[in-house]
Amino acid sequence: MAGVEVAGRVPAAMSETVRVAVQQVFMDGLHNAVWAAVAITAAAGVTAAFLLRGTVAGRHAVPRPQEAGDTSQVEREVPAGTA
């Protein structure tokens, strides 16, 4: 970090204090960035859930298992014996 380099150039009496302060400020900024990312991700998730409610799953959806006696879509559309 550049701040640690600067801490090495200040007088010896202040060097340790400056180094600790630089590291603390760096960690505070990192934590704030992580919390901002968490908030943005949560907001995006809520927005996506709101905008996608009621939509039908696309072609990558897993079909539901059919019940016994259920007819397939093809069997409902094409009468028996005609295919």
C-alpha atoms as a PDB file:
ATOM      1  CA  MET A   1       0.000   0.000   0.000  1.00  0.00           C
ATOM      2  CA  ALA A   2       1.165   3.497  -0.732  1.00  0.00           C
ATOM      3  CA  GLY A   3       0.208   4.663   2.741  1.00  0.00           C
ATOM      4  CA  VAL A   4       2.619   2.212   4.334  1.00  0.00           C
ATOM      5  CA  GLU A   5       5.358   3.598   2.096  1.00  0.00           C
ATOM      6  CA  VAL A   6       4.533   7.112   3.301  1.00  0.00           C
ATOM      7  CA  ALA A   7       4.535   5.907   6.927  1.00  0.00           C
ATOM      8  CA  GLY A   8       8.108   4.727   6.401  1.00  0.00           C
ATOM      9  CA  ARG A   9       9.178   8.240   5.348  1.00  0.00           C
ATOM     10  CA  VAL A  10       7.752  10.192   8.290  1.00  0.00           C
ATOM     11  CA  PRO A  11       9.825  10.771  11.449  1.00  0.00           C
ATOM     12  CA  ALA A  12      10.323   7.644  13.555  1.00  0.00           C
ATOM     13  CA  ALA A  13       8.181   8.961  16.404  1.00  0.00           C
ATOM     14  CA  MET A  14       5.107   9.092  14.148  1.00  0.00           C
ATOM     15  CA  SER A  15       5.876   6.216  11.793  1.00  0.00           C
ATOM     16  CA  GLU A  16       4.029   3.490  13.716  1.00  0.00           C
ATOM     17  CA  THR A  17       1.031   5.732  14.370  1.00  0.00           C
ATOM     18  CA  VAL A  18       0.723   6.649  10.700  1.00  0.00           C
ATOM     19  CA  ARG A  19       1.100   3.008   9.608  1.00  0.00           C
ATOM     20  CA  VAL A  20      -1.643   1.833  11.987  1.00  0.00           C
ATOM     21  CA  ALA A  21      -3.921   4.681  10.885  1.00  0.00           C
ATOM     22  CA  VAL A  22      -3.370   3.879   7.209  1.00  0.00           C
ATOM     23  CA  GLN A  23      -4.160   0.210   7.737  1.00  0.00           C
ATOM     24  CA  GLN A  24      -7.280   1.055   9.772  1.00  0.00           C
ATOM     25  CA  VAL A  25      -8.569   3.443   7.119  1.00  0.00           C
ATOM     26  CA  PHE A  26      -7.938   0.835   4.425  1.00  0.00           C
ATOM     27  CA  MET A  27      -9.886  -1.816   6.354  1.00  0.00           C
ATOM     28  CA  ASP A  28     -12.737   0.616   7.067  1.00  0.00           C
ATOM     29  CA  GLY A  29     -12.996   1.408   3.372  1.00  0.00           C
ATOM     30  CA  LEU A  30     -12.927  -2.276   2.484  1.00  0.00           C
ATOM     31  CA  HIS A  31     -15.718  -3.050   4.941  1.00  0.00           C
ATOM     32  CA  ASN A  32     -17.804  -0.163   3.599  1.00  0.00           C
ATOM     33  CA  ALA A  33     -17.330  -1.437   0.047  1.00  0.00           C
ATOM     34  CA  VAL A  34     -18.451  -4.923   1.069  1.00  0.00           C
ATOM     35  CA  TRP A  35     -21.583  -3.575   2.772  1.00  0.00           C
ATOM     36  CA  ALA A  36     -22.366  -1.474  -0.295  1.00  0.00           C
ATOM     37  CA  ALA A  37     -22.055  -4.591  -2.469  1.00  0.00           C
ATOM     38  CA  VAL A  38     -24.366  -6.502  -0.105  1.00  0.00           C
ATOM     39  CA  ALA A  39     -26.969  -3.722  -0.279  1.00  0.00           C
ATOM     40  CA  ILE A  40     -26.791  -3.509  -4.075  1.00  0.00           C
ATOM     41  CA  THR A  41     -27.073  -7.293  -4.431  1.00  0.00           C
ATOM     42  CA  ALA A  42     -30.059  -7.433  -2.076  1.00  0.00           C
ATOM     43  CA  ALA A  43     -31.781  -4.596  -3.936  1.00  0.00           C
ATOM     44  CA  ALA A  44     -31.145  -6.325  -7.270  1.00  0.00           C
ATOM     45  CA  GLY A  45     -32.578  -9.584  -5.915  1.00  0.00           C
ATOM     46  CA  VAL A  46     -35.743  -7.896  -4.661  1.00  0.00           C
ATOM     47  CA  THR A  47     -36.105  -5.993  -7.935  1.00  0.00           C
ATOM     48  CA  ALA A  48     -35.666  -9.162  -9.996  1.00  0.00           C
ATOM     49  CA  ALA A  49     -38.188 -11.047  -7.880  1.00  0.00           C
ATOM     50  CA  PHE A  50     -40.667  -8.191  -8.269  1.00  0.00           C
ATOM     51  CA  LEU A  51     -40.186  -7.874 -12.021  1.00  0.00           C
ATOM     52  CA  LEU A  52     -40.237 -11.622 -12.692  1.00  0.00           C
ATOM     53  CA  ARG A  53     -43.262 -12.498 -10.564  1.00  0.00           C
ATOM     54  CA  GLY A  54     -45.944 -14.232 -12.561  1.00  0.00           C
ATOM     55  CA  THR A  55     -43.716 -15.008 -15.527  1.00  0.00           C
ATOM     56  CA  VAL A  56     -43.507 -18.494 -16.959  1.00  0.00           C
ATOM     57  CA  ALA A  57     -40.154 -20.227 -16.835  1.00  0.00           C
ATOM     58  CA  GLY A  58     -38.320 -20.344 -20.143  1.00  0.00           C
ATOM     59  CA  ARG A  59     -37.115 -23.249 -22.211  1.00  0.00           C
ATOM     60  CA  HIS A  60     -34.559 -24.227 -19.569  1.00  0.00           C
ATOM     61  CA  ALA A  61     -37.251 -25.017 -17.026  1.00  0.00           C
ATOM     62  CA  VAL A  62     -37.436 -28.517 -15.622  1.00  0.00           C
ATOM     63  CA  PRO A  63     -40.809 -30.071 -16.461  1.00  0.00           C
ATOM     64  CA  ARG A  64     -42.916 -31.233 -13.555  1.00  0.00           C
ATOM     65  CA  PRO A  65     -43.269 -34.985 -13.098  1.00  0.00           C
ATOM     66  CA  GLN A  66     -46.462 -36.320 -14.599  1.00  0.00           C
ATOM     67  CA  GLU A  67     -49.083 -37.981 -12.460  1.00  0.00           C
ATOM     68  CA  ALA A  68     -50.263 -41.520 -13.232  1.00  0.00           C
ATOM     69  CA  GLY A  69     -52.865 -41.334 -15.970  1.00  0.00           C
ATOM     70  CA  ASP A  70     -51.760 -37.880 -17.035  1.00  0.00           C
ATOM     71  CA  THR A  71     -51.599 -37.438 -20.782  1.00  0.00           C
ATOM     72  CA  SER A  72     -48.730 -35.664 -22.450  1.00  0.00           C
ATOM     73  CA  GLN A  73     -49.235 -32.452 -24.408  1.00  0.00           C
ATOM     74  CA  VAL A  74     -48.806 -34.398 -27.654  1.00  0.00           C
ATOM     75  CA  GLU A  75     -51.503 -36.873 -26.629  1.00  0.00           C
ATOM     76  CA  ARG A  76     -53.889 -34.003 -25.822  1.00  0.00           C
ATOM     77  CA  GLU A  77     -53.262 -32.295 -29.179  1.00  0.00           C
ATOM     78  CA  VAL A  78     -53.287 -35.360 -31.458  1.00  0.00           C
ATOM     79  CA  PRO A  79     -56.268 -37.681 -31.238  1.00  0.00           C
ATOM     80  CA  ALA A  80     -55.449 -41.351 -30.607  1.00  0.00           C
ATOM     81  CA  GLY A  81     -54.951 -43.459 -33.738  1.00  0.00           C
ATOM     82  CA  THR A  82     -54.290 -40.501 -36.055  1.00  0.00           C
ATOM     83  CA  ALA A  83     -50.571 -40.179 -35.590  1.00  0.00           C
END
